[in-house]
PDB file of N, CA and C in Angstrom:
ATOM      1  N   MET A   1      10.240  13.883  31.506  1.00  0.00           N
ATOM      2  CA  MET A   1      10.504  13.384  30.168  1.00  0.00           C
ATOM      3  C   MET A   1      10.652  14.581  29.233  1.00  0.00           C
ATOM      4  N   SER A   2      11.663  14.551  28.422  1.00  0.00           N
ATOM      5  CA  SER A   2      11.917  15.682  27.535  1.00  0.00           C
ATOM      6  C   SER A   2      10.938  15.689  26.357  1.00  0.00           C
ATOM      7  N   GLU A   3      10.867  16.815  25.717  1.00  0.00           N
ATOM      8  CA  GLU A   3       9.980  16.983  24.563  1.00  0.00           C
ATOM      9  C   GLU A   3      10.333  16.001  23.441  1.00  0.00           C
ATOM     10  N   GLN A   4      11.616  15.743  23.233  1.00  0.00           N
ATOM     11  CA  GLN A   4      12.060  14.826  22.181  1.00  0.00           C
ATOM     12  C   GLN A   4      11.618  13.394  22.479  1.00  0.00           C
ATOM     13  N   HIS A   5      11.735  12.963  23.728  1.00  0.00           N
ATOM     14  CA  HIS A   5      11.292  11.622  24.099  1.00  0.00           C
ATOM     15  C   HIS A   5       9.783  11.479  23.942  1.00  0.00           C
ATOM     16  N   LEU A   6       9.065  12.502  24.303  1.00  0.00           N
ATOM     17  CA  LEU A   6       7.616  12.484  24.174  1.00  0.00           C
ATOM     18  C   LEU A   6       7.200  12.348  22.708  1.00  0.00           C
ATOM     19  N   LYS A   7       7.847  13.086  21.833  1.00  0.00           N
ATOM     20  CA  LYS A   7       7.552  12.990  20.399  1.00  0.00           C
ATOM     21  C   LYS A   7       7.886  11.600  19.865  1.00  0.00           C
ATOM     22  N   PHE A   8       9.002  11.038  20.323  1.00  0.00           N
ATOM     23  CA  PHE A   8       9.394   9.695  19.890  1.00  0.00           C
ATOM     24  C   PHE A   8       8.333   8.669  20.269  1.00  0.00           C
ATOM     25  N   TRP A   9       7.884   8.692  21.529  1.00  0.00           N
ATOM     26  CA  TRP A   9       6.905   7.702  21.980  1.00  0.00           C
ATOM     27  C   TRP A   9       5.541   7.915  21.327  1.00  0.00           C
ATOM     28  N   ARG A  10       5.211   9.140  21.035  1.00  0.00           N
ATOM     29  CA  ARG A  10       3.967   9.388  20.295  1.00  0.00           C
ATOM     30  C   ARG A  10       4.046   8.770  18.900  1.00  0.00           C
ATOM     31  N   ALA A  11       5.193   8.908  18.256  1.00  0.00           N
ATOM     32  CA  ALA A  11       5.386   8.322  16.917  1.00  0.00           C
ATOM     33  C   ALA A  11       5.334   6.801  16.982  1.00  0.00           C
ATOM     34  N   VAL A  12       5.948   6.210  18.001  1.00  0.00           N
ATOM     35  CA  VAL A  12       5.927   4.754  18.158  1.00  0.00           C
ATOM     36  C   VAL A  12       4.495   4.267  18.353  1.00  0.00           C
ATOM     37  N   MET A  13       3.752   4.936  19.207  1.00  0.00           N
ATOM     38  CA  MET A  13       2.367   4.533  19.464  1.00  0.00           C
ATOM     39  C   MET A  13       1.492   4.721  18.222  1.00  0.00           C
ATOM     40  N   LEU A  14       1.740   5.762  17.454  1.00  0.00           N
ATOM     41  CA  LEU A  14       0.998   5.971  16.213  1.00  0.00           C
ATOM     42  C   LEU A  14       1.284   4.842  15.226  1.00  0.00           C
ATOM     43  N   CYS A  15       2.545   4.462  15.090  1.00  0.00           N
ATOM     44  CA  CYS A  15       2.911   3.361  14.183  1.00  0.00           C
ATOM     45  C   CYS A  15       2.269   2.049  14.623  1.00  0.00           C
ATOM     46  N   ALA A  16       2.279   1.778  15.910  1.00  0.00           N
ATOM     47  CA  ALA A  16       1.659   0.554  16.417  1.00  0.00           C
ATOM     48  C   ALA A  16       0.156   0.556  16.152  1.00  0.00           C
ATOM     49  N   THR A  17      -0.478   1.681  16.360  1.00  0.00           N
ATOM     50  CA  THR A  17      -1.914   1.796  16.105  1.00  0.00           C
ATOM     51  C   THR A  17      -2.234   1.589  14.632  1.00  0.00           C
ATOM     52  N   LEU A  18      -1.454   2.193  13.763  1.00  0.00           N
ATOM     53  CA  LEU A  18      -1.676   2.021  12.325  1.00  0.00           C
ATOM     54  C   LEU A  18      -1.434   0.591  11.878  1.00  0.00           C
ATOM     55  N   ALA A  19      -0.460  -0.081  12.474  1.00  0.00           N
ATOM     56  CA  ALA A  19      -0.189  -1.487  12.129  1.00  0.00           C
ATOM     57  C   ALA A  19      -1.377  -2.365  12.515  1.00  0.00           C
ATOM     58  N   VAL A  20      -1.929  -2.162  13.690  1.00  0.00           N
ATOM     59  CA  VAL A  20      -3.094  -2.939  14.116  1.00  0.00           C
ATOM     60  C   VAL A  20      -4.285  -2.647  13.206  1.00  0.00           C
ATOM     61  N   MET A  21      -4.467  -1.397  12.840  1.00  0.00           N
ATOM     62  CA  MET A  21      -5.556  -1.037  11.934  1.00  0.00           C
ATOM     63  C   MET A  21      -5.390  -1.713  10.577  1.00  0.00           C
ATOM     64  N   ALA A  22      -4.155  -1.790  10.088  1.00  0.00           N
ATOM     65  CA  ALA A  22      -3.899  -2.431   8.791  1.00  0.00           C
ATOM     66  C   ALA A  22      -4.224  -3.918   8.847  1.00  0.00           C
ATOM     67  N   VAL A  23      -3.882  -4.577   9.943  1.00  0.00           N
ATOM     68  CA  VAL A  23      -4.185  -6.007  10.085  1.00  0.00           C
ATOM     69  C   VAL A  23      -5.694  -6.220  10.126  1.00  0.00           C
ATOM     70  N   ILE A  24      -6.396  -5.400  10.875  1.00  0.00           N
ATOM     71  CA  ILE A  24      -7.858  -5.512  10.931  1.00  0.00           C
ATOM     72  C   ILE A  24      -8.461  -5.284   9.547  1.00  0.00           C
ATOM     73  N   PHE A  25      -7.966  -4.297   8.823  1.00  0.00           N
ATOM     74  CA  PHE A  25      -8.461  -4.035   7.482  1.00  0.00           C
ATOM     75  C   PHE A  25      -8.188  -5.218   6.553  1.00  0.00           C
ATOM     76  N   ALA A  26      -7.008  -5.826   6.669  1.00  0.00           N
ATOM     77  CA  ALA A  26      -6.654  -6.967   5.814  1.00  0.00           C
ATOM     78  C   ALA A  26      -7.617  -8.128   6.040  1.00  0.00           C
ATOM     79  N   PHE A  27      -7.976  -8.378   7.292  1.00  0.00           N
ATOM     80  CA  PHE A  27      -8.913  -9.462   7.568  1.00  0.00           C
ATOM     81  C   PHE A  27     -10.320  -9.119   7.096  1.00  0.00           C
ATOM     82  N   SER A  28     -10.737  -7.894   7.255  1.00  0.00           N
ATOM     83  CA  SER A  28     -12.113  -7.538   6.899  1.00  0.00           C
ATOM     84  C   SER A  28     -12.295  -7.337   5.404  1.00  0.00           C
ATOM     85  N   ALA A  29     -11.227  -7.235   4.644  1.00  0.00           N
ATOM     86  CA  ALA A  29     -11.330  -7.008   3.204  1.00  0.00           C
ATOM     87  C   ALA A  29     -11.563  -8.300   2.432  1.00  0.00           C
ATOM     88  N   GLN A  30     -11.615  -9.429   3.110  1.00  0.00           N
ATOM     89  CA  GLN A  30     -11.791 -10.716   2.453  1.00  0.00           C
ATOM     90  C   GLN A  30     -13.236 -11.176   2.592  1.00  0.00           C
ATOM     91  N   PRO A  31     -13.700 -11.999   1.631  1.00  0.00           N
ATOM     92  CA  PRO A  31     -15.033 -12.570   1.784  1.00  0.00           C
ATOM     93  C   PRO A  31     -15.077 -13.513   2.992  1.00  0.00           C
ATOM     94  N   GLY A  32     -16.255 -13.767   3.513  1.00  0.00           N
ATOM     95  CA  GLY A  32     -16.438 -14.562   4.727  1.00  0.00           C
ATOM     96  C   GLY A  32     -15.716 -15.895   4.760  1.00  0.00           C
ATOM     97  N   PRO A  33     -15.935 -16.777   3.763  1.00  0.00           N
ATOM     98  CA  PRO A  33     -15.280 -18.090   3.822  1.00  0.00           C
ATOM     99  C   PRO A  33     -13.747 -17.998   3.785  1.00  0.00           C
ATOM    100  N   GLY A  34     -13.210 -17.095   2.989  1.00  0.00           N
ATOM    101  CA  GLY A  34     -11.754 -16.934   2.921  1.00  0.00           C
ATOM    102  C   GLY A  34     -11.188 -16.394   4.220  1.00  0.00           C
ATOM    103  N   SER A  35     -11.903 -15.458   4.828  1.00  0.00           N
ATOM    104  CA  SER A  35     -11.476 -14.888   6.098  1.00  0.00           C
ATOM    105  C   SER A  35     -11.505 -15.947   7.192  1.00  0.00           C
ATOM    106  N   TYR A  36     -12.561 -16.758   7.196  1.00  0.00           N
ATOM    107  CA  TYR A  36     -12.673 -17.814   8.194  1.00  0.00           C
ATOM    108  C   TYR A  36     -11.532 -18.828   8.055  1.00  0.00           C
ATOM    109  N   ALA A  37     -11.254 -19.250   6.827  1.00  0.00           N
ATOM    110  CA  ALA A  37     -10.190 -20.233   6.589  1.00  0.00           C
ATOM    111  C   ALA A  37      -8.833 -19.680   7.015  1.00  0.00           C
ATOM    112  N   LEU A  38      -8.566 -18.430   6.691  1.00  0.00           N
ATOM    113  CA  LEU A  38      -7.302 -17.811   7.071  1.00  0.00           C
ATOM    114  C   LEU A  38      -7.192 -17.678   8.584  1.00  0.00           C
ATOM    115  N   SER A  39      -8.269 -17.283   9.232  1.00  0.00           N
ATOM    116  CA  SER A  39      -8.266 -17.160  10.689  1.00  0.00           C
ATOM    117  C   SER A  39      -8.008 -18.510  11.349  1.00  0.00           C
ATOM    118  N   GLU A  40      -8.634 -19.553  10.833  1.00  0.00           N
ATOM    119  CA  GLU A  40      -8.408 -20.894  11.362  1.00  0.00           C
ATOM    120  C   GLU A  40      -6.946 -21.323  11.208  1.00  0.00           C
ATOM    121  N   GLN A  41      -6.364 -21.049  10.047  1.00  0.00           N
ATOM    122  CA  GLN A  41      -4.972 -21.415   9.785  1.00  0.00           C
ATOM    123  C   GLN A  41      -4.039 -20.687  10.753  1.00  0.00           C
ATOM    124  N   ILE A  42      -4.237 -19.402  10.910  1.00  0.00           N
ATOM    125  CA  ILE A  42      -3.371 -18.615  11.798  1.00  0.00           C
ATOM    126  C   ILE A  42      -3.559 -19.049  13.249  1.00  0.00           C
ATOM    127  N   THR A  43      -4.809 -19.263  13.654  1.00  0.00           N
ATOM    128  CA  THR A  43      -5.074 -19.696  15.027  1.00  0.00           C
ATOM    129  C   THR A  43      -4.387 -21.024  15.310  1.00  0.00           C
ATOM    130  N   HIS A  44      -4.478 -21.961  14.391  1.00  0.00           N
ATOM    131  CA  HIS A  44      -3.835 -23.270  14.566  1.00  0.00           C
ATOM    132  C   HIS A  44      -2.323 -23.118  14.694  1.00  0.00           C
ATOM    133  N   GLN A  45      -1.710 -22.311  13.826  1.00  0.00           N
ATOM    134  CA  GLN A  45      -0.259 -22.123  13.867  1.00  0.00           C
ATOM    135  C   GLN A  45       0.188 -21.476  15.166  1.00  0.00           C
ATOM    136  N   VAL A  46      -0.537 -20.467  15.611  1.00  0.00           N
ATOM    137  CA  VAL A  46      -0.149 -19.752  16.831  1.00  0.00           C
ATOM    138  C   VAL A  46      -0.331 -20.644  18.054  1.00  0.00           C
ATOM    139  N   GLN A  47      -1.453 -21.365  18.128  1.00  0.00           N
ATOM    140  CA  GLN A  47      -1.715 -22.218  19.282  1.00  0.00           C
ATOM    141  C   GLN A  47      -0.767 -23.407  19.351  1.00  0.00           C
ATOM    142  N   SER A  48      -0.333 -23.908  18.202  1.00  0.00           N
ATOM    143  CA  SER A  48       0.584 -25.046  18.206  1.00  0.00           C
ATOM    144  C   SER A  48       2.028 -24.618  18.412  1.00  0.00           C
ATOM    145  N   GLY A  49       2.274 -23.321  18.419  1.00  0.00           N
ATOM    146  CA  GLY A  49       3.635 -22.821  18.612  1.00  0.00           C
ATOM    147  C   GLY A  49       4.479 -22.917  17.358  1.00  0.00           C
ATOM    148  N   GLY A  50       3.859 -23.216  16.222  1.00  0.00           N
ATOM    149  CA  GLY A  50       4.607 -23.397  14.987  1.00  0.00           C
ATOM    150  C   GLY A  50       4.946 -22.104  14.264  1.00  0.00           C
ATOM    151  N   ALA A  51       4.262 -21.032  14.608  1.00  0.00           N
ATOM    152  CA  ALA A  51       4.503 -19.764  13.912  1.00  0.00           C
ATOM    153  C   ALA A  51       5.578 -18.985  14.650  1.00  0.00           C
ATOM    154  N   GLN A  52       6.681 -18.772  13.993  1.00  0.00           N
ATOM    155  CA  GLN A  52       7.737 -17.961  14.575  1.00  0.00           C
ATOM    156  C   GLN A  52       7.674 -16.544  14.028  1.00  0.00           C
ATOM    157  N   THR A  53       7.211 -16.401  12.803  1.00  0.00           N
ATOM    158  CA  THR A  53       7.094 -15.081  12.195  1.00  0.00           C
ATOM    159  C   THR A  53       5.803 -15.029  11.395  1.00  0.00           C
ATOM    160  N   ILE A  54       5.020 -14.003  11.620  1.00  0.00           N
ATOM    161  CA  ILE A  54       3.825 -13.765  10.815  1.00  0.00           C
ATOM    162  C   ILE A  54       4.025 -12.431  10.119  1.00  0.00           C
ATOM    163  N   MET A  55       4.041 -12.463   8.792  1.00  0.00           N
ATOM    164  CA  MET A  55       4.293 -11.254   8.022  1.00  0.00           C
ATOM    165  C   MET A  55       3.027 -10.897   7.244  1.00  0.00           C
ATOM    166  N   VAL A  56       2.605  -9.674   7.348  1.00  0.00           N
ATOM    167  CA  VAL A  56       1.421  -9.205   6.644  1.00  0.00           C
ATOM    168  C   VAL A  56       1.868  -8.311   5.496  1.00  0.00           C
ATOM    169  N   GLN A  57       1.401  -8.633   4.293  1.00  0.00           N
ATOM    170  CA  GLN A  57       1.720  -7.830   3.121  1.00  0.00           C
ATOM    171  C   GLN A  57       0.415  -7.246   2.597  1.00  0.00           C
ATOM    172  N   LEU A  58       0.338  -5.939   2.583  1.00  0.00           N
ATOM    173  CA  LEU A  58      -0.876  -5.259   2.154  1.00  0.00           C
ATOM    174  C   LEU A  58      -0.626  -4.510   0.853  1.00  0.00           C
ATOM    175  N   SER A  59      -1.584  -4.577  -0.036  1.00  0.00           N
ATOM    176  CA  SER A  59      -1.526  -3.785  -1.252  1.00  0.00           C
ATOM    177  C   SER A  59      -2.959  -3.442  -1.636  1.00  0.00           C
ATOM    178  N   ARG A  60      -3.123  -2.595  -2.625  1.00  0.00           N
ATOM    179  CA  ARG A  60      -4.474  -2.229  -3.037  1.00  0.00           C
ATOM    180  C   ARG A  60      -5.171  -3.390  -3.743  1.00  0.00           C
ATOM    181  N   GLN A  61      -4.414  -4.274  -4.382  1.00  0.00           N
ATOM    182  CA  GLN A  61      -5.024  -5.372  -5.109  1.00  0.00           C
ATOM    183  C   GLN A  61      -5.435  -6.521  -4.190  1.00  0.00           C
ATOM    184  N   LYS A  62      -4.586  -6.856  -3.207  1.00  0.00           N
ATOM    185  CA  LYS A  62      -4.906  -7.981  -2.336  1.00  0.00           C
ATOM    186  C   LYS A  62      -4.100  -7.879  -1.046  1.00  0.00           C
ATOM    187  N   SER A  63      -4.552  -8.605  -0.065  1.00  0.00           N
ATOM    188  CA  SER A  63      -3.867  -8.678   1.215  1.00  0.00           C
ATOM    189  C   SER A  63      -3.417 -10.119   1.411  1.00  0.00           C
ATOM    190  N   GLU A  64      -2.188 -10.304   1.832  1.00  0.00           N
ATOM    191  CA  GLU A  64      -1.655 -11.636   2.036  1.00  0.00           C
ATOM    192  C   GLU A  64      -1.008 -11.722   3.409  1.00  0.00           C
ATOM    193  N   ILE A  65      -1.148 -12.870   4.015  1.00  0.00           N
ATOM    194  CA  ILE A  65      -0.502 -13.115   5.291  1.00  0.00           C
ATOM    195  C   ILE A  65       0.343 -14.377   5.127  1.00  0.00           C
ATOM    196  N   PHE A  66       1.619 -14.255   5.445  1.00  0.00           N
ATOM    197  CA  PHE A  66       2.539 -15.364   5.324  1.00  0.00           C
ATOM    198  C   PHE A  66       2.909 -15.844   6.728  1.00  0.00           C
ATOM    199  N   ILE A  67       2.813 -17.147   6.948  1.00  0.00           N
ATOM    200  CA  ILE A  67       3.239 -17.730   8.214  1.00  0.00           C
ATOM    201  C   ILE A  67       4.465 -18.559   7.936  1.00  0.00           C
ATOM    202  N   MET A  68       5.576 -18.179   8.544  1.00  0.00           N
ATOM    203  CA  MET A  68       6.844 -18.856   8.293  1.00  0.00           C
ATOM    204  C   MET A  68       7.254 -19.644   9.526  1.00  0.00           C
ATOM    205  N   ASN A  69       7.587 -20.894   9.330  1.00  0.00           N
ATOM    206  CA  ASN A  69       8.033 -21.746  10.446  1.00  0.00           C
ATOM    207  C   ASN A  69       9.526 -21.696  10.570  1.00  0.00           C
TER     208      ASN A  69
END
């Protein structure tokens, strides 16, 4: 594998790791009852197959998760 390919895959893995960290932070930044309700909503959508796209929007003021059918 060439040096350029190695750098590319390192960047991809770094981006994936940061994305997962951002999602974990978004869930943990909410109070308990709100986090529980959101987790239940997402779990229901994913298990029922109704969620085709889950978009996470993060900002310093608030974190929002949109589930689009």
